[in-house]
Protein backbone atom coordinates (compact mmCIF):
# COMPACT_ATOMS: atom_id res chain seq x y z
CA MET A 1 -4.42 13.76 1.75
CA GLU A 2 -5.32 15.24 -1.57
CA SER A 3 -3.78 15.49 -5.03
CA LYS A 4 -4.97 16.51 -8.47
CA SER A 5 -7.05 13.36 -9.02
CA LEU A 6 -7.30 11.63 -5.64
CA ILE A 7 -8.30 11.97 -2.03
CA ILE A 8 -6.81 9.47 0.39
CA ARG A 9 -8.68 9.21 3.65
CA GLU A 10 -8.67 6.96 6.67
CA THR A 11 -10.68 3.83 6.04
CA VAL A 12 -14.17 3.70 7.55
CA PHE A 13 -16.26 0.63 8.33
CA ASP A 14 -18.39 1.00 5.16
CA ASP A 15 -15.24 0.58 3.04
CA CYS A 16 -15.03 -3.06 4.16
CA ALA A 17 -17.71 -3.94 1.59
CA TYR A 18 -15.49 -2.61 -1.21
CA PHE A 19 -12.42 -4.40 0.14
CA ALA A 20 -14.34 -7.69 0.42
CA GLU A 21 -15.37 -7.41 -3.22
CA TRP A 22 -11.97 -6.24 -4.51
CA GLU A 23 -9.88 -8.70 -2.52
CA ASN A 24 -11.60 -11.59 -4.24
CA LEU A 25 -10.66 -10.37 -7.73
CA PRO A 26 -7.69 -12.26 -9.20
CA HIS A 27 -6.18 -9.10 -10.74
CA VAL A 28 -6.12 -7.49 -7.27
CA THR A 29 -4.85 -10.45 -5.25
CA GLU A 30 -2.39 -11.89 -7.77
CA PHE A 31 0.67 -10.17 -6.31
CA PHE A 32 -0.32 -9.91 -2.65
CA THR A 33 0.01 -12.30 0.26
CA MET A 34 -3.77 -12.52 0.56
CA ASP A 35 -5.27 -15.97 0.51
CA GLU A 36 -8.06 -16.59 -1.95
CA GLY A 37 -11.63 -16.72 -0.72
CA ARG A 38 -11.46 -14.04 1.99
CA SER A 39 -14.96 -13.30 3.23
CA TYR A 40 -16.60 -10.04 4.22
CA GLU A 41 -16.32 -11.23 7.85
CA ASP A 42 -12.55 -11.74 7.38
CA ILE A 43 -12.22 -8.18 6.07
CA VAL A 44 -14.29 -6.72 8.91
CA THR A 45 -12.30 -8.66 11.53
CA GLU A 46 -9.07 -7.41 9.97
CA PHE A 47 -10.42 -3.82 9.92
CA VAL A 48 -11.36 -3.94 13.62
CA ARG A 49 -8.05 -5.58 14.60
CA TYR A 50 -5.98 -3.06 12.64
CA ASN A 51 -7.87 -0.11 14.10
CA LEU A 52 -6.92 -1.29 17.59
CA ASP A 53 -3.24 -1.65 16.68
CA PRO A 54 -1.17 1.57 16.75
CA THR A 55 1.41 -0.01 14.43
CA LYS A 56 -1.09 -0.27 11.56
CA MET A 57 -3.10 2.23 9.50
CA LEU A 58 -5.66 1.69 6.74
CA PHE A 59 -6.48 4.24 4.04
CA THR A 60 -8.99 4.29 1.22
CA ILE A 61 -8.06 5.82 -2.13
CA THR A 62 -10.93 7.79 -3.67
CA GLU A 63 -11.22 9.43 -7.07
CA LYS A 64 -12.06 13.10 -7.40
CA PRO A 65 -14.57 14.65 -7.74
CA SER A 66 -16.95 11.78 -6.94
CA CYS A 67 -15.02 10.55 -3.87
CA GLN A 68 -15.77 7.03 -5.12
CA PRO A 69 -13.42 4.46 -3.52
CA ILE A 70 -11.01 2.94 -6.06
CA GLY A 71 -8.26 1.43 -3.93
CA LYS A 72 -6.58 0.75 -0.62
CA ILE A 73 -3.36 1.51 1.25
CA TYR A 74 -2.29 -0.48 4.29
CA LEU A 75 0.63 0.71 6.43
CA SER A 76 2.17 -1.58 9.02
CA ARG A 77 5.20 -1.85 11.27
CA ILE A 78 4.77 1.80 12.23
CA ASP A 79 7.61 2.27 14.68
CA THR A 80 7.75 5.66 16.42
CA HIS A 81 11.02 4.79 18.15
CA ASP A 82 12.95 3.94 14.99
CA ASP A 83 10.83 6.30 12.84
CA SER A 84 10.02 3.67 10.23
CA LEU A 85 7.01 2.08 8.57
CA ASP A 86 6.12 -0.34 5.83
CA ILE A 87 3.72 0.26 2.95
CA THR A 88 2.37 -3.27 3.13
CA ARG A 89 -0.33 -3.00 0.50
CA ILE A 90 -1.31 -0.44 -2.09
CA TYR A 91 -3.62 -1.12 -5.01
CA ILE A 92 -6.09 0.37 -7.44
CA ALA A 93 -8.87 -2.20 -7.73
CA ASP A 94 -10.83 -1.29 -10.86
CA LEU A 95 -9.09 -2.37 -14.07
CA ASP A 96 -10.57 0.68 -15.84
CA LYS A 97 -8.80 2.95 -13.33
CA ARG A 98 -5.40 1.31 -13.81
CA GLY A 99 -2.83 2.75 -16.17
CA LYS A 100 -3.97 6.31 -15.43
CA GLY A 101 -1.22 7.11 -12.93
CA TYR A 102 -3.44 6.76 -9.85
CA GLY A 103 -1.13 4.21 -8.23
CA GLU A 104 1.84 6.53 -8.59
CA GLU A 105 -0.20 9.51 -7.38
CA ALA A 106 -1.42 7.56 -4.33
CA LEU A 107 2.08 6.31 -3.53
CA ARG A 108 3.49 9.84 -3.71
CA LEU A 109 0.74 11.09 -1.37
CA ILE A 110 1.35 8.37 1.20
CA LEU A 111 5.10 9.02 1.08
CA GLU A 112 4.46 12.71 1.72
CA TYR A 113 2.29 11.72 4.68
CA ALA A 114 4.95 9.33 6.01
CA PHE A 115 7.94 11.64 5.69
CA ILE A 116 6.32 15.00 6.47
CA ASN A 117 3.39 14.28 8.79
CA LEU A 118 4.72 11.22 10.59
CA HIS A 119 8.39 12.36 10.45
CA THR A 120 9.46 8.93 9.29
CA GLU A 121 13.14 8.30 8.56
CA ARG A 122 12.68 5.07 6.58
CA VAL A 123 9.83 3.62 4.51
CA THR A 124 9.92 0.09 3.16
CA ILE A 125 7.81 -1.56 0.50
CA ASP A 126 8.04 -5.00 -1.06
CA HIS A 127 6.67 -6.85 -4.05
CA PHE A 128 6.48 -10.36 -5.43
CA GLU A 129 9.60 -11.37 -7.34
CA GLY A 130 7.80 -11.44 -10.68
CA ASN A 131 5.80 -8.23 -10.31
CA ARG A 132 7.62 -6.04 -12.85
CA ILE A 133 4.92 -3.34 -12.84
CA ALA A 134 5.32 -2.72 -9.10
CA ALA A 135 9.12 -2.93 -9.31
CA SER A 136 9.20 -0.37 -12.10
CA LEU A 137 6.89 2.05 -10.28
CA TYR A 138 8.76 1.82 -6.98
CA GLU A 139 12.10 2.39 -8.68
CA LYS A 140 10.69 5.32 -10.70
CA ILE A 141 9.54 6.98 -7.48
CA GLY A 142 12.96 6.51 -5.89
CA PHE A 143 12.90 3.36 -3.79
CA THR A 144 16.24 1.56 -3.49
CA ASN A 145 16.45 -2.19 -3.87
CA GLU A 146 17.59 -3.89 -0.66
CA GLY A 147 17.39 -7.50 -1.75
CA LEU A 148 15.35 -10.64 -1.91
CA MET A 149 13.55 -11.78 1.23
CA ARG A 150 13.27 -15.53 0.82
CA HIS A 151 9.99 -17.11 1.94
CA ALA A 152 9.00 -13.77 3.52
CA GLY A 153 5.31 -14.20 2.80
CA LYS A 154 2.70 -16.88 2.43
CA LYS A 155 -0.07 -17.12 -0.13
CA ASN A 156 -2.60 -19.92 -0.17
CA GLY A 157 -0.36 -22.03 2.07
CA LYS A 158 2.77 -21.60 -0.08
CA TYR A 159 5.78 -19.47 0.81
CA VAL A 160 6.70 -16.65 -1.57
CA ASN A 161 9.82 -14.56 -2.01
CA LEU A 162 9.46 -10.80 -1.74
CA GLN A 163 11.76 -8.12 -3.12
CA LEU A 164 12.41 -5.46 -0.46
CA LYS A 165 12.88 -1.79 -1.32
CA SER A 166 13.31 1.25 0.91
CA MET A 167 13.43 5.02 0.84
CA LEU A 168 15.06 7.28 3.42
CA ARG A 169 13.87 10.75 4.36
CA ALA A 170 16.91 12.43 2.73
CA GLU A 171 16.26 10.53 -0.51
CA TYR A 172 12.62 11.64 -0.45
CA TYR A 173 13.56 15.29 -0.02
CA ASP A 174 16.30 14.99 -2.62
CA LYS A 175 13.74 13.68 -5.15
CA LEU A 176 11.38 16.59 -4.32
CA HIS A 177 13.97 19.23 -5.13
CA ARG A 178 15.16 17.88 -8.49
């Protein structure tokens, strides 16, 4: 997948080193259900497990023209019967790369992939209750609020509420043609 500023590619083993570094940064993990202190071995184990599971996909966000990794996208609950999937995690890791529109660009690319390439009918995404930046971006792109999922995630042993949003194929195509 490619846009003006980004290339999104399937994650490769070498990307685990980036993820292990990034997923220990407080500004990356603050609004995700990732426990603190994840090790490189934890990341590698997760990578191997996810690659063996057809309901999960990992992507690495790279910046053009250098192809330097700057973020991650994790899709889960890929259901080919119900034609649905969840964007479980999407982030730009480097603080210097944030605020440049890369998150929006990456989200638009992965939605194109989901609706056009995978022929998905429904895409869900969620965010922590207090994450106004994510909420604003998801609404700007066209996700519809479905409601609060109480204690839907766990972070560092504590349950957290997640706000669920969704987009249907027709809504995606409607947004494209405006």
